[in-house]
Amino acid sequence: MRIFNKYQPLLIAKYVKTFFKGRLYIHGRGAYSYARGMLIMPEQADDRHRKTVSEINRLIGQLNSPQPAA
C-alpha cells in the first residue's frame, strides 16, 4: 500500500498506471483500490471519492493516449 501525503493527481495517476493493481491511501481523501491501471470507485463512495476517482482516471486516460508530434 502506497501512502501519498499530499493530493498530487498527476503523480498518483502515473503510479496507478505503472503498478496496475493494488491499494493506495491519500492523506485527507482516504483509501482507494486500483486494478487494470485505473482507480476503482469504492462501494461507499462520497462526493470527494467520486471526484478523486474521476479526475485520476481522466489523467490516466490522457497519459495512455498518444501525444501528437510537435
N, C-alpha and C. Protein backbone atom coordinates (compact mmCIF):
# COMPACT_ATOMS: atom_id res chain seq x y z
N MET A 1 0.85 -1.17 0.00
CA MET A 1 0.00 0.00 0.00
C MET A 1 0.90 1.24 0.00
N ARG A 2 0.66 2.11 -0.94
CA ARG A 2 1.42 3.36 -1.04
C ARG A 2 0.62 4.46 -0.36
N ILE A 3 1.29 5.30 0.40
CA ILE A 3 0.66 6.42 1.08
C ILE A 3 1.15 7.72 0.45
N PHE A 4 0.22 8.54 -0.01
CA PHE A 4 0.53 9.85 -0.55
C PHE A 4 0.15 10.89 0.50
N ASN A 5 1.11 11.69 0.93
CA ASN A 5 0.85 12.68 1.97
C ASN A 5 0.14 13.92 1.44
N LYS A 6 0.26 14.18 0.14
CA LYS A 6 -0.43 15.30 -0.49
C LYS A 6 -1.19 14.78 -1.70
N TYR A 7 -2.26 15.46 -2.05
CA TYR A 7 -3.04 15.10 -3.23
C TYR A 7 -2.38 15.72 -4.45
N GLN A 8 -1.65 14.90 -5.21
CA GLN A 8 -0.99 15.31 -6.44
C GLN A 8 -1.50 14.39 -7.54
N PRO A 9 -2.57 14.81 -8.25
CA PRO A 9 -3.24 13.92 -9.20
C PRO A 9 -2.33 13.32 -10.27
N LEU A 10 -1.42 14.08 -10.85
CA LEU A 10 -0.57 13.54 -11.91
C LEU A 10 0.39 12.48 -11.37
N LEU A 11 0.97 12.71 -10.21
CA LEU A 11 1.86 11.73 -9.60
C LEU A 11 1.11 10.44 -9.27
N ILE A 12 -0.09 10.57 -8.75
CA ILE A 12 -0.91 9.40 -8.40
C ILE A 12 -1.30 8.65 -9.67
N ALA A 13 -1.67 9.38 -10.73
CA ALA A 13 -2.05 8.74 -12.00
C ALA A 13 -0.88 7.95 -12.57
N LYS A 14 0.32 8.50 -12.54
CA LYS A 14 1.50 7.79 -13.04
C LYS A 14 1.77 6.54 -12.21
N TYR A 15 1.59 6.63 -10.90
CA TYR A 15 1.80 5.49 -10.01
C TYR A 15 0.81 4.37 -10.32
N VAL A 16 -0.47 4.72 -10.44
CA VAL A 16 -1.52 3.72 -10.70
C VAL A 16 -1.28 3.08 -12.06
N LYS A 17 -0.95 3.87 -13.05
CA LYS A 17 -0.70 3.35 -14.40
C LYS A 17 0.50 2.39 -14.41
N THR A 18 1.53 2.71 -13.64
CA THR A 18 2.75 1.90 -13.62
C THR A 18 2.56 0.58 -12.89
N PHE A 19 1.91 0.61 -11.72
CA PHE A 19 1.82 -0.59 -10.90
C PHE A 19 0.58 -1.43 -11.16
N PHE A 20 -0.40 -0.92 -11.88
CA PHE A 20 -1.51 -1.66 -12.46
C PHE A 20 -2.53 -2.20 -11.46
N LYS A 21 -2.13 -2.74 -10.31
CA LYS A 21 -3.10 -3.30 -9.36
C LYS A 21 -2.59 -3.15 -7.94
N GLY A 22 -3.47 -2.71 -7.03
CA GLY A 22 -3.07 -2.58 -5.64
C GLY A 22 -3.97 -1.63 -4.88
N ARG A 23 -3.41 -1.06 -3.81
CA ARG A 23 -4.16 -0.12 -2.97
C ARG A 23 -3.28 1.08 -2.69
N LEU A 24 -3.93 2.21 -2.42
CA LEU A 24 -3.21 3.41 -2.04
C LEU A 24 -4.06 4.23 -1.08
N TYR A 25 -3.39 5.11 -0.37
CA TYR A 25 -4.06 5.99 0.58
C TYR A 25 -3.60 7.41 0.31
N ILE A 26 -4.55 8.34 0.20
CA ILE A 26 -4.26 9.75 0.01
C ILE A 26 -4.66 10.47 1.29
N HIS A 27 -3.68 11.10 1.94
CA HIS A 27 -3.94 11.81 3.19
C HIS A 27 -5.02 12.88 2.98
N GLY A 28 -6.07 12.80 3.78
CA GLY A 28 -7.16 13.76 3.69
C GLY A 28 -8.26 13.33 2.73
N ARG A 29 -8.04 12.26 1.97
CA ARG A 29 -9.04 11.80 1.00
C ARG A 29 -9.45 10.36 1.21
N GLY A 30 -8.60 9.54 1.80
CA GLY A 30 -8.98 8.18 2.12
C GLY A 30 -8.25 7.13 1.31
N ALA A 31 -8.74 5.88 1.45
CA ALA A 31 -8.12 4.73 0.81
C ALA A 31 -8.82 4.42 -0.51
N TYR A 32 -8.04 3.94 -1.46
CA TYR A 32 -8.53 3.60 -2.79
C TYR A 32 -7.89 2.31 -3.25
N SER A 33 -8.59 1.58 -4.10
CA SER A 33 -8.04 0.40 -4.76
C SER A 33 -7.95 0.69 -6.24
N TYR A 34 -7.04 0.01 -6.90
CA TYR A 34 -6.95 0.15 -8.34
C TYR A 34 -6.64 -1.20 -8.97
N ALA A 35 -7.15 -1.39 -10.16
CA ALA A 35 -6.94 -2.61 -10.92
C ALA A 35 -6.98 -2.26 -12.40
N ARG A 36 -6.24 -3.03 -13.19
CA ARG A 36 -6.15 -2.81 -14.64
C ARG A 36 -5.71 -1.38 -14.95
N GLY A 37 -4.92 -0.78 -14.06
CA GLY A 37 -4.37 0.54 -14.29
C GLY A 37 -5.35 1.69 -14.10
N MET A 38 -6.48 1.47 -13.43
CA MET A 38 -7.47 2.52 -13.18
C MET A 38 -7.95 2.42 -11.74
N LEU A 39 -8.30 3.57 -11.15
CA LEU A 39 -8.87 3.56 -9.80
C LEU A 39 -10.26 2.97 -9.84
N ILE A 40 -10.64 2.28 -8.77
CA ILE A 40 -11.96 1.66 -8.65
C ILE A 40 -12.79 2.49 -7.69
N MET A 41 -14.04 2.75 -8.07
CA MET A 41 -14.95 3.52 -7.22
C MET A 41 -15.30 2.67 -5.99
N PRO A 42 -15.06 3.18 -4.76
CA PRO A 42 -15.43 2.43 -3.56
C PRO A 42 -16.95 2.25 -3.46
N GLU A 43 -17.37 1.18 -2.81
CA GLU A 43 -18.81 0.92 -2.67
C GLU A 43 -19.50 2.03 -1.88
N GLN A 44 -18.89 2.50 -0.82
CA GLN A 44 -19.46 3.55 0.00
C GLN A 44 -18.80 4.89 -0.36
N ALA A 45 -18.92 5.29 -1.60
CA ALA A 45 -18.23 6.49 -2.08
C ALA A 45 -19.04 7.75 -1.78
N ASP A 46 -18.35 8.76 -1.27
CA ASP A 46 -18.98 10.06 -1.11
C ASP A 46 -18.56 10.95 -2.28
N ASP A 47 -18.95 12.19 -2.25
CA ASP A 47 -18.69 13.10 -3.37
C ASP A 47 -17.19 13.30 -3.59
N ARG A 48 -16.45 13.41 -2.51
CA ARG A 48 -15.00 13.61 -2.63
C ARG A 48 -14.32 12.41 -3.29
N HIS A 49 -14.75 11.18 -2.92
CA HIS A 49 -14.20 9.98 -3.55
C HIS A 49 -14.53 9.96 -5.05
N ARG A 50 -15.77 10.30 -5.40
CA ARG A 50 -16.18 10.28 -6.81
C ARG A 50 -15.35 11.27 -7.63
N LYS A 51 -15.14 12.47 -7.12
CA LYS A 51 -14.35 13.47 -7.85
C LYS A 51 -12.89 13.03 -7.99
N THR A 52 -12.34 12.45 -6.93
CA THR A 52 -10.96 12.00 -6.97
C THR A 52 -10.78 10.88 -7.99
N VAL A 53 -11.66 9.88 -7.95
CA VAL A 53 -11.56 8.75 -8.88
C VAL A 53 -11.71 9.22 -10.32
N SER A 54 -12.69 10.09 -10.58
CA SER A 54 -12.89 10.54 -11.96
C SER A 54 -11.71 11.38 -12.44
N GLU A 55 -11.14 12.23 -11.59
CA GLU A 55 -10.00 13.06 -12.00
C GLU A 55 -8.77 12.20 -12.29
N ILE A 56 -8.47 11.26 -11.41
CA ILE A 56 -7.29 10.41 -11.59
C ILE A 56 -7.46 9.55 -12.85
N ASN A 57 -8.64 8.96 -13.04
CA ASN A 57 -8.87 8.10 -14.21
C ASN A 57 -8.81 8.91 -15.50
N ARG A 58 -9.27 10.17 -15.47
CA ARG A 58 -9.18 11.02 -16.65
C ARG A 58 -7.72 11.29 -17.00
N LEU A 59 -6.90 11.56 -15.99
CA LEU A 59 -5.47 11.78 -16.22
C LEU A 59 -4.77 10.53 -16.74
N ILE A 60 -5.16 9.36 -16.23
CA ILE A 60 -4.58 8.11 -16.73
C ILE A 60 -4.93 7.93 -18.21
N GLY A 61 -6.18 8.24 -18.57
CA GLY A 61 -6.58 8.17 -19.98
C GLY A 61 -5.76 9.11 -20.85
N GLN A 62 -5.46 10.29 -20.35
CA GLN A 62 -4.63 11.24 -21.11
C GLN A 62 -3.20 10.73 -21.23
N LEU A 63 -2.69 10.08 -20.19
CA LEU A 63 -1.33 9.54 -20.26
C LEU A 63 -1.26 8.37 -21.24
N ASN A 64 -2.35 7.60 -21.36
CA ASN A 64 -2.37 6.45 -22.26
C ASN A 64 -2.56 6.83 -23.72
N SER A 65 -3.18 7.98 -23.97
CA SER A 65 -3.44 8.37 -25.36
C SER A 65 -2.15 8.87 -26.01
N PRO A 66 -1.97 8.56 -27.28
CA PRO A 66 -0.74 9.02 -27.96
C PRO A 66 -0.73 10.54 -28.11
N GLN A 67 0.42 11.13 -27.87
CA GLN A 67 0.57 12.57 -27.98
C GLN A 67 0.99 12.92 -29.42
N PRO A 68 0.38 13.94 -30.02
CA PRO A 68 0.78 14.34 -31.37
C PRO A 68 2.21 14.91 -31.36
N ALA A 69 2.94 14.62 -32.42
CA ALA A 69 4.31 15.12 -32.53
C ALA A 69 4.29 16.63 -32.80
N ALA A 70 5.19 17.33 -32.17
CA ALA A 70 5.23 18.79 -32.33
C ALA A 70 6.11 19.21 -33.49
